[in-house]
Protein backbone atom coordinates (compact mmCIF):
# COMPACT_ATOMS: atom_id res chain seq x y z
CA MET A 1 127.73 104.21 118.68
CA SER A 2 127.66 100.53 117.40
CA LEU A 3 129.05 99.55 114.03
CA PRO A 4 127.02 97.59 111.32
CA PRO A 5 127.73 93.99 111.39
CA ALA A 6 130.65 93.13 108.92
CA ARG A 7 129.64 91.88 105.46
CA LEU A 8 130.08 88.09 105.32
CA PRO A 9 129.72 85.82 102.65
CA VAL A 10 126.30 84.61 101.93
CA ARG A 11 125.19 81.68 99.81
CA VAL A 12 121.64 82.16 98.17
CA ARG A 13 119.87 78.75 97.28
CA GLU A 14 116.43 77.60 96.80
CA MET A 15 114.51 76.88 100.16
CA ALA A 16 113.94 73.27 101.23
CA LEU A 17 110.97 72.06 103.33
CA ALA A 18 113.46 71.42 106.16
CA ASP A 19 114.20 75.22 106.40
CA CYS A 20 110.68 76.14 107.24
CA ASP A 21 111.24 76.38 111.09
CA ARG A 22 114.34 78.70 110.80
CA VAL A 23 112.64 80.83 108.06
CA SER A 24 109.54 81.15 110.12
CA ARG A 25 111.77 82.35 113.38
CA ILE A 26 113.39 85.02 110.73
CA ARG A 27 109.95 86.04 109.52
CA VAL A 28 108.02 86.50 113.05
CA ARG A 29 111.16 88.19 114.67
CA GLY A 30 111.44 90.35 111.56
CA TRP A 31 107.64 91.30 111.93
CA GLN A 32 108.04 92.05 115.43
CA THR A 33 111.16 94.11 115.00
CA ALA A 34 110.30 96.13 111.84
CA TYR A 35 106.84 96.79 112.43
CA ARG A 36 106.88 97.69 115.91
CA GLY A 37 105.05 101.21 116.39
CA LEU A 38 103.61 100.36 113.08
CA MET A 39 101.18 97.60 113.73
CA PRO A 40 99.14 96.98 117.07
CA GLN A 41 101.79 95.61 119.58
CA PRO A 42 99.34 92.85 120.87
CA TYR A 43 99.13 91.49 117.29
CA LEU A 44 102.80 91.35 117.07
CA ASP A 45 103.24 89.82 120.54
CA ALA A 46 100.79 86.98 119.66
CA MET A 47 102.75 85.99 116.45
CA ASP A 48 103.87 82.26 117.18
CA VAL A 49 106.90 81.05 115.48
CA THR A 50 105.33 77.38 115.57
CA ALA A 51 101.99 78.19 113.96
CA ASP A 52 103.87 80.29 111.35
CA ALA A 53 106.12 77.23 110.68
CA GLU A 54 103.24 75.08 110.13
CA ARG A 55 101.51 77.15 107.87
CA ARG A 56 104.74 77.78 106.00
CA ARG A 57 105.22 73.87 105.43
CA ALA A 58 101.78 73.77 103.99
CA LEU A 59 102.26 76.69 101.59
CA PHE A 60 105.44 75.46 100.64
CA ALA A 61 104.16 71.76 99.68
CA ARG A 62 101.55 73.36 97.57
CA THR A 63 103.67 76.17 96.02
CA SER A 64 104.08 76.20 92.33
CA ASP A 65 103.12 78.38 89.17
CA GLY A 66 106.47 80.27 89.31
CA VAL A 67 106.78 80.81 93.01
CA VAL A 68 110.43 80.55 94.23
CA HIS A 69 111.63 80.72 97.84
CA LEU A 70 114.95 81.55 98.53
CA VAL A 71 117.05 81.38 101.59
CA ALA A 72 120.76 82.84 102.36
CA GLU A 73 123.14 81.04 104.30
CA ASP A 74 126.08 82.28 106.19
CA GLU A 75 129.56 80.73 105.71
CA SER A 76 128.54 77.94 108.74
CA GLY A 77 125.45 76.92 106.66
CA GLU A 78 122.94 78.71 108.89
CA VAL A 79 119.90 80.26 107.08
CA VAL A 80 119.85 83.95 107.94
CA GLY A 81 117.44 85.22 105.44
CA TRP A 82 114.56 84.52 103.26
CA ALA A 83 112.69 85.68 100.21
CA CYS A 84 109.91 84.70 98.08
CA VAL A 85 109.24 85.86 94.47
CA GLY A 86 106.70 84.99 91.73
CA PRO A 87 104.02 86.29 89.38
CA TYR A 88 102.43 89.57 90.53
CA ARG A 89 99.07 88.85 92.12
CA ASP A 90 96.38 91.42 90.91
CA GLY A 91 93.59 90.13 93.11
CA GLU A 92 93.25 86.56 92.31
CA ALA A 93 94.81 86.97 88.88
CA ARG A 94 98.55 86.58 88.20
CA THR A 95 100.18 88.88 85.87
CA ALA A 96 103.25 88.86 83.68
CA ASP A 97 105.02 91.10 85.99
CA ALA A 98 107.07 89.53 88.88
CA GLU A 99 106.50 90.47 92.73
CA LEU A 100 108.70 90.21 95.62
CA TYR A 101 106.06 88.62 98.27
CA ALA A 102 108.60 88.79 101.04
CA LEU A 103 112.19 89.36 102.05
CA TYR A 104 113.26 88.88 105.77
CA VAL A 105 116.60 88.77 107.26
CA ASP A 106 117.77 87.57 110.62
CA THR A 107 117.40 90.82 112.82
CA GLY A 108 121.16 90.11 114.09
CA ARG A 109 122.28 90.16 110.31
CA SER A 110 120.78 93.40 109.35
CA GLY A 111 123.08 95.56 107.26
CA ALA A 112 125.52 92.55 106.52
CA GLY A 113 124.58 92.39 102.72
CA VAL A 114 122.11 89.35 103.32
CA GLY A 115 119.14 91.41 101.90
CA GLN A 116 121.01 92.56 99.05
CA ALA A 117 121.99 89.10 98.10
CA LEU A 118 118.53 87.68 98.42
CA LEU A 119 116.99 90.46 96.41
CA GLY A 120 119.89 90.46 93.85
CA GLU A 121 119.25 86.75 93.23
CA SER A 122 115.47 87.40 93.13
CA VAL A 123 115.76 90.00 90.31
CA ARG A 124 118.15 87.96 88.61
CA ARG A 125 115.84 85.03 88.53
CA CYS A 126 113.11 87.09 87.33
CA GLU A 127 115.30 88.68 84.46
CA THR A 128 116.10 85.32 83.23
CA ALA A 129 112.57 84.34 83.36
CA GLY A 130 111.91 87.46 81.19
CA GLN A 131 109.66 89.52 83.33
CA ALA A 132 110.08 93.16 82.62
CA ARG A 133 109.13 94.52 85.75
CA MET A 134 109.23 93.64 89.48
CA LEU A 135 106.80 95.05 92.11
CA LEU A 136 106.44 94.70 95.93
CA TRP A 137 104.35 96.17 98.66
CA VAL A 138 106.06 97.79 101.68
CA LEU A 139 104.06 99.32 104.64
CA LYS A 140 103.92 103.08 104.08
CA GLY A 141 105.64 104.06 107.59
CA ASN A 142 108.47 101.47 107.06
CA THR A 143 111.03 104.07 106.25
CA ARG A 144 113.94 101.51 106.69
CA ALA A 145 112.53 99.00 104.11
CA ARG A 146 111.60 101.94 101.75
CA ARG A 147 115.16 103.25 101.73
CA PHE A 148 116.68 99.53 101.17
CA TYR A 149 114.12 99.15 98.17
CA GLU A 150 114.97 102.71 96.81
CA ARG A 151 118.73 101.98 97.02
CA ALA A 152 117.98 98.82 94.76
CA GLY A 153 116.27 100.81 91.88
CA PHE A 154 112.87 100.46 93.13
CA ALA A 155 110.45 103.72 93.30
CA PRO A 156 106.81 104.09 94.45
CA ASP A 157 104.71 103.89 91.74
CA GLY A 158 101.52 105.73 93.20
CA ALA A 159 99.47 102.71 94.09
CA GLU A 160 98.44 102.42 97.92
CA GLU A 161 96.59 99.53 99.28
CA PRO A 162 94.60 99.68 102.64
CA PHE A 163 95.87 96.89 105.05
CA VAL A 164 94.00 96.68 108.37
CA VAL A 165 95.53 94.64 111.30
CA GLU A 166 92.99 94.30 114.39
CA GLY A 167 91.02 97.23 113.17
CA VAL A 168 93.90 99.62 112.80
CA PRO A 169 94.94 100.73 109.25
CA VAL A 170 98.33 100.01 108.37
CA PRO A 171 98.73 101.38 104.58
CA GLU A 172 100.98 99.86 102.08
CA VAL A 173 102.65 101.45 99.10
CA ARG A 174 103.66 99.63 95.96
CA TYR A 175 107.11 99.98 94.60
CA ALA A 176 108.20 98.99 91.08
CA ARG A 177 111.45 98.51 89.24
CA PRO A 178 111.90 97.77 85.42
CA LEU A 179 113.78 94.63 84.89
CA SER A 180 116.20 93.80 81.95
CA GLY A 181 114.46 90.69 81.11
């Protein structure tokens, strides 16, 4: 039996353009690990860190309208996690609620408190902005992520969304949490 990684101090800060390569590595490896068995394996295998980093740089350069990208660094300054939060997307419209668009942790740091630190800072920023509720979408079959969010006070609100990857349905469920903003 292996023990979970030790909880190490992490520092959460706003992402910089220079972080895009590392964030893409974390994101792609996160998908390939967390979604194994939930999405078609050829799709996961074809994910490319370099292409993702190029896309991430382009998105980062034009992101605004309340979208915040955060990274978590370990004690040596290495980026070990990434989160992105902003206004809730209802189709093309943005609402007054907050949405956690993404949260990924370096696969070797899972269970070390990195995700909690990123989620905590995301919630804090949304509360400070006066948002009353945070929403997020998670793959229905991703029980590990669902437990993580449930421990943080999120609960499924009954909304489901069809998500199709290479012709395979991969349903998502929406989670919500009230904020004290």
